[in-house]
Amino acid sequence: MRVPLPALLCCSAASLLLLLLLPWRRRRRLWKKVKEAQQRQERSLVRMEAAAQRFREQHPSVNMTSILSLSLPELSQKLRDGSLPLEHVFYTYVSEAVRITIETNCITEYLEECETQLKKAKLTGKPGLLYGVPVSIKDSIDCQGHDSTLGFIKNLNKPAAEDSVVVQVLRRQGAIPFVKTNVPQSLISYDCKNLIFGQTFNPLLYTRSPGGSSGGEGALVGGGGSILGLGTDVGGSLRFPAAFCGICALKPTGNRLSKKGIVSGVPGQKAVAAAVGPIAKDVESLALCMRALLCEDMFNLDSTVPPLPFNEEIYSSTQPLRIGYYETDFFTMPSPAMRRAVREMKELLEDAGHTLVPFELMNVDYVVFNFCLRGLFADGGASFLKKFQGELEKSSTGLLFWLAKSPDWLKTLLSWIAKPFMPRFSNIVRSMRANTVDEVWSLHHEIEEFCHQFTAQWKKLNLDVMLCPMLSPALRIGYPVKLSVAVSYAMLYNALDFPAGVVPVTMVMEEDEEELKSYQGYFQDWWDQTLVKAFRDSVGLPVAVQCVALPWQEELCLRFMKEVETLALKKNSLI
């Protein structure tokens, strides 16, 4: 039977209309999920505020300011000996966390079961090392019954079936996880923004980034709304927030703490070691957290974690240290304040009786491009790109996302064309090409050889630890996504899988700002020009140094961090 032409045209028009409507309907469903998640976030904050308000009305005489002024060791001791009631501490931090998140947008969800845990803790009275301590948890760390979104809409309404191992151990040690905190979409960024929960701001200056990807943790702990946080680090994701927000963090050796139940930004890659670690206002708090986590519960729950309990003798040692140091990696030119921070700390350490030895870094550009970038995106960015399928926003990672979408032939062509004029851009593009299995194995072998060479250089100088710069002060919001190359100071120690911590030691001064006017950078390319803009107008913001030890020597790293912190505090108190 022959179909009349008008009917055929009608059918075609209807089909075309349907094809046009389908994407619109899909986007509408996604926006609805985003709106629902934002409403849940708002309800969480309302519940937190209501709980805190009820407590304040029932206990008007509680001195919240004095509770907030206690260090974690002081607080935990008072909680364990009963001189400070659990609910006083808990609701003080709930109240402060609400205030900080209103200012910085750092909390994504209130873990309501924490109030039930608080009541049980009062009844059981079996204090662990972190008994009654409220702890904040990064979005990507699983908490039973709650989403681990990584800023992706597809991960909404998919609550974790059980707690991650580190959260289980925290609970067994008496800690009370009470909120989850914001991250950048995909975690592959050192800013903190996603379409669902929006931009998180630095509590010290709202025009600045809090760092990332543990940016919500940095903002909450740095602002005083949490006394201890747990985050992850695959390229500086704990150390950037600590440096930007003026607090301390430790990235342990990759497998010192369990990663079971933690969602990765690029699952499966082994070239760049990810780690779980604590973030807090001072080094002693980090040490207490590591003491609590490195216990039989951790080793029994995850047999892949080596049973190495916290070595108190190493941490409490007062023997003089032999310390390697460098002021620059000759890839990312340090800001004047960064360079000064290392120089001043070198002098303070020498005056305190330690021996400082110059350490010559070599081929950091090769490490960044061929180990870190190529290692993370060894499949040409295919698995990274897959995470963005079906999402509304796909631009939060800037250049990396665009390159992951590009075919290998175009990357090869662009790399060749750009090499004479923009060598760093050329290297980035080349590093984003897909590798064969044989090439990936060769890459892993090359990284192993580099680690052996670096360690040999370290041991030839008979070093205990290393003092080096950390990118700081905090960059302006929106700049980290433009400056992915500036991760070199942090990411080196993920490639090496060395423990590394961050300690704030000084702040940007007027003379640093003046000296910044002549900042050129080593390549004088677009990234160097952009970095100087990101650093400007930073007087008064904190500047950190990085402390490093050999693999599995977290206690020695913390001991060194404690020494740096003590000397910095003493110096700053005399100014």
Protein backbone atom coordinates (compact mmCIF):
# COMPACT_ATOMS: atom_id res chain seq x y z
CA MET A 1 0.00 0.00 0.00
CA ARG A 2 1.32 3.37 -0.91
CA VAL A 3 1.64 5.91 1.94
CA PRO A 4 0.34 9.39 1.06
CA LEU A 5 3.03 12.08 0.97
CA PRO A 6 1.35 14.33 3.61
CA ALA A 7 1.19 11.39 6.04
CA LEU A 8 4.85 10.57 5.35
CA LEU A 9 5.85 14.16 5.98
CA CYS A 10 3.82 14.20 9.22
CA CYS A 11 5.58 11.02 10.41
CA SER A 12 8.98 12.47 9.56
CA ALA A 13 8.20 15.70 11.39
CA ALA A 14 7.01 13.79 14.44
CA SER A 15 10.17 11.66 14.47
CA LEU A 16 12.35 14.75 14.15
CA LEU A 17 10.46 16.45 16.98
CA LEU A 18 10.91 13.35 19.16
CA LEU A 19 14.66 13.31 18.44
CA LEU A 20 14.87 16.97 19.43
CA LEU A 21 12.82 16.42 22.58
CA LEU A 22 14.80 13.44 23.89
CA PRO A 23 17.99 15.40 24.79
CA TRP A 24 15.84 18.15 26.31
CA ARG A 25 13.96 15.63 28.45
CA ARG A 26 17.20 13.96 29.51
CA ARG A 27 18.72 17.31 30.51
CA ARG A 28 15.55 18.17 32.37
CA ARG A 29 15.81 14.89 34.37
CA LEU A 30 19.45 15.61 35.18
CA TRP A 31 18.70 19.15 36.33
CA LYS A 32 15.94 17.73 38.51
CA LYS A 33 18.46 15.38 40.17
CA VAL A 34 20.82 18.30 40.73
CA LYS A 35 18.03 20.38 42.26
CA GLU A 36 17.03 17.52 44.56
CA ALA A 37 20.65 17.08 45.70
CA GLN A 38 20.94 20.80 46.40
CA GLN A 39 17.72 20.68 48.39
CA ARG A 40 19.08 17.75 50.43
CA GLN A 41 22.21 19.78 51.09
CA GLU A 42 20.07 22.71 52.28
CA ARG A 43 17.98 20.42 54.50
CA SER A 44 21.19 19.01 55.98
CA LEU A 45 22.34 22.47 56.97
CA VAL A 46 18.91 23.30 58.40
CA ARG A 47 19.00 20.11 60.52
CA MET A 48 22.52 20.91 61.69
CA GLU A 49 21.55 24.44 62.65
CA ALA A 50 18.39 23.24 64.41
CA ALA A 51 20.34 20.62 66.39
CA ALA A 52 22.97 23.18 67.37
CA GLN A 53 20.29 25.74 68.30
CA ARG A 54 18.47 23.25 70.55
CA PHE A 55 21.71 22.47 72.32
CA ARG A 56 22.57 26.14 72.82
CA GLU A 57 19.11 26.80 74.30
CA GLN A 58 19.39 23.79 76.65
CA HIS A 59 23.00 24.52 77.64
CA PRO A 60 23.42 28.33 77.50
CA SER A 61 26.46 28.27 79.81
CA VAL A 62 28.66 26.09 77.58
CA ASN A 63 31.76 28.03 76.53
CA MET A 64 32.02 27.06 72.87
CA THR A 65 34.96 29.37 72.26
CA SER A 66 37.10 27.55 74.82
CA ILE A 67 36.19 24.17 73.28
CA LEU A 68 37.13 25.39 69.81
CA SER A 69 40.47 26.66 71.14
CA LEU A 70 41.56 23.19 72.29
CA SER A 71 43.99 21.20 70.18
CA LEU A 72 42.96 17.69 69.18
CA PRO A 73 45.25 16.00 71.77
CA GLU A 74 43.87 18.26 74.51
CA LEU A 75 40.29 17.74 73.38
CA SER A 76 40.58 13.95 73.07
CA GLN A 77 42.18 13.71 76.52
CA LYS A 78 39.35 15.68 78.11
CA LEU A 79 36.77 13.54 76.31
CA ARG A 80 38.42 10.29 77.42
CA ASP A 81 38.81 11.31 81.07
CA GLY A 82 35.24 12.65 81.18
CA SER A 83 36.15 16.24 82.08
CA LEU A 84 34.42 17.45 78.91
CA PRO A 85 30.98 16.04 77.99
CA LEU A 86 30.70 14.48 74.52
CA GLU A 87 27.62 16.45 73.51
CA HIS A 88 29.30 19.77 74.41
CA VAL A 89 32.09 19.06 71.95
CA PHE A 90 29.88 17.54 69.30
CA TYR A 91 27.31 20.34 69.10
CA THR A 92 29.98 23.01 69.37
CA TYR A 93 31.56 21.67 66.20
CA VAL A 94 28.19 21.16 64.50
CA SER A 95 27.39 24.80 65.23
CA GLU A 96 30.76 26.03 63.97
CA ALA A 97 30.60 23.78 60.89
CA VAL A 98 27.27 25.35 59.90
CA ARG A 99 28.76 28.82 60.23
CA ILE A 100 31.82 27.96 58.14
CA THR A 101 29.83 26.23 55.39
CA ILE A 102 27.46 29.20 55.10
CA GLU A 103 30.56 31.28 54.40
CA THR A 104 32.50 28.81 52.25
CA ASN A 105 30.04 26.17 50.94
CA CYS A 106 32.23 23.27 52.07
CA ILE A 107 29.73 20.70 53.44
CA THR A 108 27.69 18.53 51.08
CA GLU A 109 25.84 16.36 53.61
CA TYR A 110 25.20 16.01 57.33
CA LEU A 111 25.57 12.38 58.45
CA GLU A 112 22.46 12.25 60.62
CA GLU A 113 23.37 8.88 62.15
CA CYS A 114 26.16 10.72 63.99
CA GLU A 115 23.65 11.82 66.64
CA THR A 116 22.70 8.18 67.27
CA GLN A 117 26.40 7.29 67.46
CA LEU A 118 26.87 10.11 69.97
CA LYS A 119 24.15 8.67 72.23
CA LYS A 120 25.61 5.16 71.98
CA ALA A 121 29.09 6.45 72.80
CA LYS A 122 27.76 8.04 75.99
CA LEU A 123 26.19 4.73 77.04
CA THR A 124 28.99 2.33 76.10
CA GLY A 125 31.80 4.40 77.56
CA LYS A 126 34.57 2.48 75.78
CA PRO A 127 36.92 5.28 74.82
CA GLY A 128 39.26 4.80 71.88
CA LEU A 129 42.04 7.22 70.97
CA LEU A 130 39.52 9.46 69.17
CA TYR A 131 36.61 8.92 71.57
CA GLY A 132 33.91 11.53 70.93
CA VAL A 133 35.93 13.49 68.35
CA PRO A 134 33.79 14.85 65.46
CA VAL A 135 35.54 14.07 62.16
CA SER A 136 34.75 15.39 58.67
CA ILE A 137 35.00 13.07 55.66
CA LYS A 138 35.79 13.86 52.02
CA ASP A 139 32.99 13.17 49.52
CA SER A 140 34.92 10.34 47.80
CA ILE A 141 35.35 8.29 51.01
CA ASP A 142 32.43 5.89 51.44
CA CYS A 143 30.10 6.30 54.41
CA GLN A 144 27.29 3.75 54.61
CA GLY A 145 23.98 5.10 53.35
CA HIS A 146 25.49 8.20 51.72
CA ASP A 147 26.57 9.10 48.19
CA SER A 148 30.18 9.42 47.09
CA THR A 149 29.48 11.68 44.11
CA LEU A 150 32.88 13.02 42.95
CA GLY A 151 30.71 15.87 41.68
CA PHE A 152 29.00 13.64 39.08
CA ILE A 153 25.22 13.59 38.67
CA LYS A 154 25.32 9.89 37.77
CA ASN A 155 26.59 9.12 41.28
CA LEU A 156 23.66 10.78 43.03
CA ASN A 157 21.18 8.52 44.83
CA LYS A 158 23.69 5.65 44.93
CA PRO A 159 24.44 5.35 48.64
CA ALA A 160 27.43 3.27 49.74
CA ALA A 161 26.55 -0.21 51.01
CA GLU A 162 29.11 0.01 53.83
CA ASP A 163 31.67 2.30 55.38
CA SER A 164 35.16 2.44 53.89
CA VAL A 165 37.76 0.73 56.05
CA VAL A 166 39.21 4.03 57.32
CA VAL A 167 35.74 5.19 58.42
CA GLN A 168 35.10 1.85 60.13
CA VAL A 169 38.37 2.20 62.04
CA LEU A 170 37.58 5.80 62.99
CA ARG A 171 34.26 4.66 64.43
CA ARG A 172 35.93 1.82 66.36
CA GLN A 173 38.35 4.35 67.80
CA GLY A 174 35.38 6.35 69.07
CA ALA A 175 35.43 9.13 66.44
CA ILE A 176 32.12 10.47 65.17
CA PRO A 177 32.08 11.17 61.40
CA PHE A 178 29.53 13.98 61.13
CA VAL A 179 29.72 15.60 57.66
CA LYS A 180 30.90 14.92 54.11
CA THR A 181 32.70 17.69 52.25
CA ASN A 182 32.89 19.09 48.75
CA VAL A 183 35.26 18.14 45.90
CA PRO A 184 35.91 19.23 42.29
CA GLN A 185 34.17 17.20 39.61
CA SER A 186 36.23 14.03 38.90
CA LEU A 187 38.79 14.91 41.65
CA ILE A 188 41.36 15.68 38.92
CA SER A 189 41.72 19.32 39.92
CA TYR A 190 43.19 21.34 42.77
CA ASP A 191 40.25 23.72 42.88
CA CYS A 192 36.91 22.76 44.45
CA LYS A 193 33.85 23.21 42.27
CA ASN A 194 31.18 21.02 40.68
CA LEU A 195 27.77 21.54 39.13
CA ILE A 196 25.87 19.84 41.97
CA PHE A 197 27.21 21.63 45.04
CA GLY A 198 28.92 24.63 43.47
CA GLN A 199 32.16 26.44 44.34
CA THR A 200 33.83 26.10 47.73
CA PHE A 201 35.66 29.22 48.95
CA ASN A 202 38.80 29.70 51.01
CA PRO A 203 37.89 30.61 54.61
CA LEU A 204 40.83 33.03 54.82
CA LEU A 205 39.88 35.04 51.73
CA TYR A 206 36.73 34.27 49.74
CA THR A 207 38.23 35.32 46.41
CA ARG A 208 40.78 32.49 46.75
CA SER A 209 40.52 28.78 46.08
CA PRO A 210 40.61 26.42 49.08
CA GLY A 211 42.65 23.99 46.96
CA GLY A 212 41.60 20.51 45.96
CA SER A 213 40.58 17.92 45.50
CA SER A 214 40.08 17.73 49.30
CA GLY A 215 39.00 21.37 49.13
CA GLY A 216 35.90 21.02 51.29
CA GLU A 217 38.09 19.50 54.00
CA GLY A 218 40.61 22.31 53.69
CA ALA A 219 37.93 24.98 54.00
CA LEU A 220 36.12 23.32 56.92
CA VAL A 221 39.23 22.48 58.95
CA GLY A 222 40.97 25.74 58.00
CA GLY A 223 37.90 27.71 59.05
CA GLY A 224 37.66 25.88 62.40
CA GLY A 225 34.47 23.92 61.66
CA SER A 226 36.20 20.54 62.05
CA ILE A 227 39.11 19.57 64.26
CA LEU A 228 40.13 16.61 62.08
CA GLY A 229 39.38 15.68 58.49
CA LEU A 230 40.10 12.74 56.23
CA GLY A 231 40.96 13.21 52.56
CA THR A 232 42.83 11.66 49.65
CA ASP A 233 45.84 12.71 47.60
CA VAL A 234 46.86 11.65 44.06
CA GLY A 235 48.74 14.78 43.03
CA GLY A 236 48.63 17.09 46.03
CA SER A 237 44.91 16.77 46.82
CA LEU A 238 45.53 16.99 50.59
CA ARG A 239 48.60 19.20 50.45
CA PHE A 240 47.11 21.93 48.24
CA PRO A 241 44.12 22.55 50.57
CA ALA A 242 46.43 22.53 53.62
CA ALA A 243 48.85 25.01 52.02
CA PHE A 244 46.06 27.24 50.69
CA CYS A 245 44.08 27.27 53.96
CA GLY A 246 47.01 27.61 56.40
CA ILE A 247 46.79 24.19 58.05
CA CYS A 248 48.69 20.86 58.08
CA ALA A 249 48.22 17.62 56.15
CA LEU A 250 50.02 14.33 55.65
CA LYS A 251 50.05 12.26 52.47
CA PRO A 252 51.30 8.85 53.64
CA THR A 253 52.93 6.17 51.50
CA GLY A 254 50.19 4.93 49.17
CA ASN A 255 49.35 1.74 51.04
CA ARG A 256 50.07 2.75 54.64
CA LEU A 257 46.34 3.37 55.18
CA SER A 258 43.56 1.34 53.58
CA LYS A 259 41.98 2.63 50.35
CA LYS A 260 39.21 0.02 50.43
CA GLY A 261 35.89 1.79 49.99
CA ILE A 262 37.38 4.95 48.51
CA VAL A 263 36.32 6.08 45.04
CA SER A 264 39.20 7.07 42.77
CA GLY A 265 39.25 9.80 40.14
CA VAL A 266 41.01 7.46 37.69
CA PRO A 267 40.38 3.92 38.99
CA GLY A 268 42.90 1.25 38.09
CA GLN A 269 45.90 3.42 37.24
CA LYS A 270 49.05 2.46 39.16
CA ALA A 271 51.66 4.89 37.84
CA VAL A 272 50.83 7.71 40.28
CA ALA A 273 50.25 6.51 43.83
CA ALA A 274 47.08 7.71 45.56
CA ALA A 275 46.92 7.89 49.36
CA VAL A 276 44.46 8.51 52.18
CA GLY A 277 45.54 10.90 54.92
CA PRO A 278 44.55 13.32 57.69
CA ILE A 279 44.23 17.11 57.59
CA ALA A 280 44.21 19.21 60.76
CA LYS A 281 45.39 22.51 62.23
CA ASP A 282 48.61 21.15 63.72
CA VAL A 283 51.06 18.28 63.36
CA GLU A 284 50.31 16.62 66.71
CA SER A 285 46.71 16.18 65.55
CA LEU A 286 47.92 14.39 62.41
CA ALA A 287 50.11 12.13 64.54
CA LEU A 288 47.21 11.28 66.85
CA CYS A 289 45.05 10.39 63.86
CA MET A 290 47.78 8.12 62.47
CA ARG A 291 48.18 6.44 65.89
CA ALA A 292 44.45 5.74 65.92
CA LEU A 293 44.25 4.43 62.35
CA LEU A 294 47.38 2.25 62.42
CA CYS A 295 45.83 -0.41 64.62
CA GLU A 296 44.80 -4.08 64.50
CA ASP A 297 41.34 -3.15 63.24
CA MET A 298 42.87 -1.56 60.13
CA PHE A 299 45.14 -4.53 59.46
CA ASN A 300 42.34 -7.06 59.98
CA LEU A 301 39.80 -5.23 57.83
CA ASP A 302 42.25 -4.85 54.93
CA SER A 303 44.96 -7.50 54.68
CA THR A 304 46.69 -5.60 51.87
CA VAL A 305 47.80 -2.94 54.37
CA PRO A 306 51.15 -3.85 55.97
CA PRO A 307 50.75 -4.38 59.75
CA LEU A 308 52.98 -1.48 60.77
CA PRO A 309 51.68 0.18 63.95
CA PHE A 310 52.67 3.77 64.71
CA ASN A 311 56.32 3.92 65.81
CA GLU A 312 56.29 6.22 68.83
CA GLU A 313 60.06 6.04 69.35
CA ILE A 314 60.79 7.55 65.93
CA TYR A 315 58.16 10.28 66.27
CA SER A 316 59.31 11.36 69.74
CA SER A 317 63.05 11.27 68.96
CA THR A 318 65.06 14.46 69.50
CA GLN A 319 68.18 13.42 67.60
CA PRO A 320 69.47 16.05 65.15
CA LEU A 321 68.39 15.40 61.56
CA ARG A 322 70.32 15.46 58.32
CA ILE A 323 67.98 17.35 56.00
CA GLY A 324 68.15 17.71 52.23
CA TYR A 325 66.61 20.85 50.77
CA TYR A 326 65.93 22.68 47.51
CA GLU A 327 64.31 26.03 46.77
CA THR A 328 62.97 25.25 43.31
CA ASP A 329 62.26 22.31 41.03
CA PHE A 330 63.24 24.41 37.94
CA PHE A 331 59.84 23.65 36.42
CA THR A 332 57.40 25.83 38.36
CA MET A 333 59.20 28.99 39.48
CA PRO A 334 58.35 29.50 43.15
CA SER A 335 56.68 32.73 44.20
CA PRO A 336 59.03 35.00 46.17
CA ALA A 337 57.21 34.03 49.37
CA MET A 338 57.64 30.29 48.61
CA ARG A 339 61.38 30.68 48.09
CA ARG A 340 61.75 32.82 51.20
CA ALA A 341 59.82 30.27 53.29
CA VAL A 342 62.32 27.52 52.42
CA ARG A 343 65.34 29.78 52.99
CA GLU A 344 64.11 31.00 56.36
CA MET A 345 63.24 27.50 57.53
CA LYS A 346 66.66 26.21 56.40
CA GLU A 347 68.33 28.83 58.62
CA LEU A 348 66.05 28.08 61.58
CA LEU A 349 66.74 24.35 61.30
CA GLU A 350 70.49 24.95 61.13
CA ASP A 351 70.31 27.21 64.19
CA ALA A 352 68.45 24.42 65.98
CA GLY A 353 71.36 22.02 65.41
CA HIS A 354 70.24 20.14 62.30
CA THR A 355 72.43 19.65 59.22
CA LEU A 356 71.11 21.01 55.92
CA VAL A 357 72.38 19.56 52.65
CA PRO A 358 71.59 20.95 49.16
CA PHE A 359 69.70 18.44 47.01
CA GLU A 360 69.77 18.77 43.23
CA LEU A 361 66.51 17.89 41.52
CA MET A 362 66.79 16.69 37.95
CA ASN A 363 64.33 16.19 35.11
CA VAL A 364 61.18 17.25 36.98
CA ASP A 365 59.62 18.24 33.66
CA TYR A 366 60.11 14.65 32.46
CA VAL A 367 58.52 13.33 35.66
CA VAL A 368 55.49 15.63 35.31
CA PHE A 369 54.82 14.87 31.65
CA ASN A 370 56.02 11.29 31.16
CA PHE A 371 55.32 9.74 34.57
CA CYS A 372 52.47 11.72 36.11
CA LEU A 373 50.41 12.97 33.19
CA ARG A 374 51.09 10.02 30.91
CA GLY A 375 50.61 7.62 33.82
CA LEU A 376 47.22 9.04 34.79
CA PHE A 377 46.00 9.11 31.19
CA ALA A 378 47.81 6.08 29.74
CA ASP A 379 44.66 5.10 27.83
CA GLY A 380 44.58 8.50 26.15
CA GLY A 381 42.04 9.70 28.70
CA ALA A 382 39.34 7.20 27.64
CA SER A 383 38.40 6.03 31.16
CA PHE A 384 38.56 9.63 32.42
CA LEU A 385 36.30 10.76 29.56
CA LYS A 386 33.86 7.93 30.25
CA LYS A 387 33.11 9.40 33.68
CA PHE A 388 31.73 12.52 32.01
CA GLN A 389 29.30 10.67 29.73
CA GLY A 390 25.75 11.82 30.35
CA GLU A 391 26.84 14.74 32.56
CA LEU A 392 25.60 18.29 32.10
CA GLU A 393 28.91 20.04 32.72
CA LYS A 394 32.16 18.78 31.22
CA SER A 395 34.48 21.76 31.40
CA SER A 396 35.72 21.67 35.01
CA THR A 397 39.03 20.10 34.03
CA GLY A 398 39.68 22.44 31.11
CA LEU A 399 42.51 21.42 28.79
CA LEU A 400 42.71 17.81 30.06
CA PHE A 401 39.09 17.13 29.12
CA TRP A 402 39.52 18.66 25.67
CA LEU A 403 42.66 16.60 25.01
CA ALA A 404 40.99 13.39 26.23
CA LYS A 405 38.29 13.97 23.61
CA SER A 406 40.78 14.57 20.79
CA PRO A 407 41.97 11.73 18.51
CA ASP A 408 45.59 10.60 18.75
CA TRP A 409 46.45 11.85 15.27
CA LEU A 410 45.41 15.37 16.27
CA LYS A 411 47.44 15.17 19.50
CA THR A 412 50.50 14.07 17.53
CA LEU A 413 50.05 16.90 15.03
CA LEU A 414 49.48 19.54 17.72
CA SER A 415 52.47 18.34 19.71
CA TRP A 416 54.72 18.57 16.66
CA ILE A 417 53.45 22.05 15.64
CA ALA A 418 53.67 23.50 19.17
CA LYS A 419 57.09 22.09 20.15
CA PRO A 420 59.27 25.03 18.96
CA PHE A 421 56.96 27.73 20.38
CA MET A 422 55.19 26.16 23.39
CA PRO A 423 57.29 23.22 24.64
CA ARG A 424 55.18 22.58 27.75
CA PHE A 425 51.95 22.53 25.77
CA SER A 426 53.60 20.19 23.27
CA ASN A 427 54.64 17.82 26.07
CA ILE A 428 51.18 17.83 27.63
CA VAL A 429 49.54 16.96 24.32
CA ARG A 430 52.08 14.21 23.60
CA SER A 431 51.61 12.74 27.10
CA MET A 432 47.85 12.43 26.55
CA ARG A 433 48.16 9.91 23.67
CA ALA A 434 46.93 6.35 24.15
CA ASN A 435 49.59 3.76 25.02
CA THR A 436 49.86 0.09 24.13
CA VAL A 437 50.09 -2.46 26.95
CA ASP A 438 53.80 -2.85 26.24
CA GLU A 439 54.27 0.92 26.54
CA VAL A 440 52.41 0.99 29.88
CA TRP A 441 54.61 -1.79 31.26
CA SER A 442 57.69 0.07 30.06
CA LEU A 443 56.39 3.22 31.74
CA HIS A 444 55.90 1.42 35.05
CA HIS A 445 59.42 0.00 34.80
CA GLU A 446 60.82 3.46 34.08
CA ILE A 447 59.05 4.89 37.13
CA GLU A 448 60.52 2.10 39.29
CA GLU A 449 64.01 2.89 37.98
CA PHE A 450 63.50 6.60 38.68
CA CYS A 451 62.47 5.80 42.27
CA HIS A 452 65.62 3.70 42.74
CA GLN A 453 67.81 6.51 41.36
CA PHE A 454 66.13 9.16 43.52
CA THR A 455 66.51 6.97 46.62
CA ALA A 456 70.16 6.28 45.77
CA GLN A 457 70.84 10.02 45.51
CA TRP A 458 69.06 10.50 48.86
CA LYS A 459 71.11 7.79 50.56
CA LYS A 460 74.38 8.93 49.03
CA LEU A 461 73.86 12.21 50.88
CA ASN A 462 72.89 10.23 54.00
CA LEU A 463 69.64 12.18 54.38
CA ASP A 464 66.90 11.58 56.93
CA VAL A 465 64.27 13.88 55.42
CA MET A 466 63.77 16.58 52.79
CA LEU A 467 62.64 20.22 53.04
CA CYS A 468 61.13 21.69 49.86
CA PRO A 469 58.59 24.22 48.60
CA MET A 470 54.84 23.76 48.30
CA LEU A 471 52.73 25.80 45.90
CA SER A 472 51.40 28.74 47.92
CA PRO A 473 49.86 31.19 48.66
CA ALA A 474 46.32 30.26 47.66
CA LEU A 475 45.54 30.96 44.01
CA ARG A 476 42.58 33.03 42.95
CA ILE A 477 39.36 31.09 42.34
CA GLY A 478 39.21 29.74 38.79
CA TYR A 479 42.99 29.71 38.35
CA PRO A 480 43.89 26.13 39.39
CA VAL A 481 42.01 24.73 36.38
CA LYS A 482 44.13 26.96 34.14
CA LEU A 483 47.37 25.95 35.86
CA SER A 484 47.47 22.16 35.85
CA VAL A 485 51.23 22.31 35.19
CA ALA A 486 51.80 23.95 38.60
CA VAL A 487 51.30 20.65 40.46
CA SER A 488 54.99 19.72 40.08
CA TYR A 489 56.05 20.31 43.71
CA ALA A 490 53.36 17.99 45.05
CA MET A 491 52.95 15.39 42.32
CA LEU A 492 56.63 14.40 42.30
CA TYR A 493 56.06 12.60 45.61
CA ASN A 494 53.02 10.74 44.32
CA ALA A 495 55.14 9.41 41.46
CA LEU A 496 57.84 8.44 43.96
CA ASP A 497 55.25 7.25 46.53
CA PHE A 498 57.10 9.01 49.38
CA PRO A 499 55.25 10.31 52.46
CA ALA A 500 54.97 14.10 52.32
CA GLY A 501 53.40 16.65 54.63
CA VAL A 502 52.65 20.36 54.53
CA VAL A 503 53.23 22.89 57.33
CA PRO A 504 52.44 26.64 57.16
CA VAL A 505 55.54 28.61 58.23
CA THR A 506 55.09 32.25 57.20
CA MET A 507 52.81 34.60 55.30
CA VAL A 508 53.12 36.76 52.21
CA MET A 509 54.71 40.12 52.98
CA GLU A 510 54.75 43.43 51.15
CA GLU A 511 58.31 42.83 49.94
CA ASP A 512 57.21 39.49 48.43
CA GLU A 513 54.44 41.28 46.57
CA GLU A 514 56.91 43.85 45.28
CA GLU A 515 59.35 41.15 44.16
CA LEU A 516 56.52 39.34 42.37
CA LYS A 517 56.39 42.19 39.86
CA SER A 518 59.60 40.87 38.28
CA TYR A 519 58.41 37.23 38.24
CA GLN A 520 59.17 35.68 34.84
CA GLY A 521 58.86 31.91 35.23
CA TYR A 522 61.24 29.39 33.69
CA PHE A 523 59.41 29.05 30.39
CA GLN A 524 57.87 32.53 30.11
CA ASP A 525 54.86 30.93 28.47
CA TRP A 526 51.12 31.40 29.01
CA TRP A 527 51.19 29.29 32.19
CA ASP A 528 53.96 31.36 33.77
CA GLN A 529 52.12 34.57 32.90
CA THR A 530 48.89 33.17 34.36
CA LEU A 531 50.57 31.92 37.54
CA VAL A 532 51.86 35.36 38.45
CA LYS A 533 48.32 36.75 38.06
CA ALA A 534 47.03 33.99 40.34
CA PHE A 535 49.60 34.89 43.04
CA ARG A 536 48.97 38.67 43.07
CA ASP A 537 47.50 40.61 46.00
CA SER A 538 48.26 37.88 48.53
CA VAL A 539 49.73 39.88 51.43
CA GLY A 540 48.80 38.19 54.70
CA LEU A 541 47.98 34.79 53.21
CA PRO A 542 49.83 31.72 54.60
CA VAL A 543 52.82 30.12 52.89
CA ALA A 544 53.76 26.50 53.52
CA VAL A 545 56.76 24.24 53.10
CA GLN A 546 56.72 20.55 52.31
CA CYS A 547 58.39 17.88 54.47
CA VAL A 548 59.28 14.52 52.90
CA ALA A 549 60.61 11.15 54.07
CA LEU A 550 61.38 7.81 52.45
CA PRO A 551 58.54 5.27 51.92
CA TRP A 552 56.91 3.83 55.08
CA GLN A 553 58.60 6.46 57.27
CA GLU A 554 55.49 8.48 58.11
CA GLU A 555 56.58 8.81 61.75
CA LEU A 556 59.89 10.40 60.70
CA CYS A 557 58.05 12.71 58.30
CA LEU A 558 55.71 13.79 61.12
CA ARG A 559 58.63 14.22 63.51
CA PHE A 560 60.29 16.56 60.98
CA MET A 561 57.00 18.40 60.41
CA LYS A 562 56.69 18.90 64.17
CA GLU A 563 60.19 20.39 64.30
CA VAL A 564 59.37 22.76 61.41
CA GLU A 565 56.09 23.77 63.03
CA THR A 566 57.73 24.44 66.41
CA LEU A 567 60.47 26.60 64.90
CA ALA A 568 57.99 28.53 62.73
CA LEU A 569 55.68 29.23 65.68
CA LYS A 570 58.61 30.38 67.80
CA LYS A 571 59.87 32.70 65.07
CA ASN A 572 56.42 34.13 64.33
CA SER A 573 55.73 34.76 68.02
CA LEU A 574 58.88 36.92 68.20
CA ILE A 575 57.92 39.07 65.19
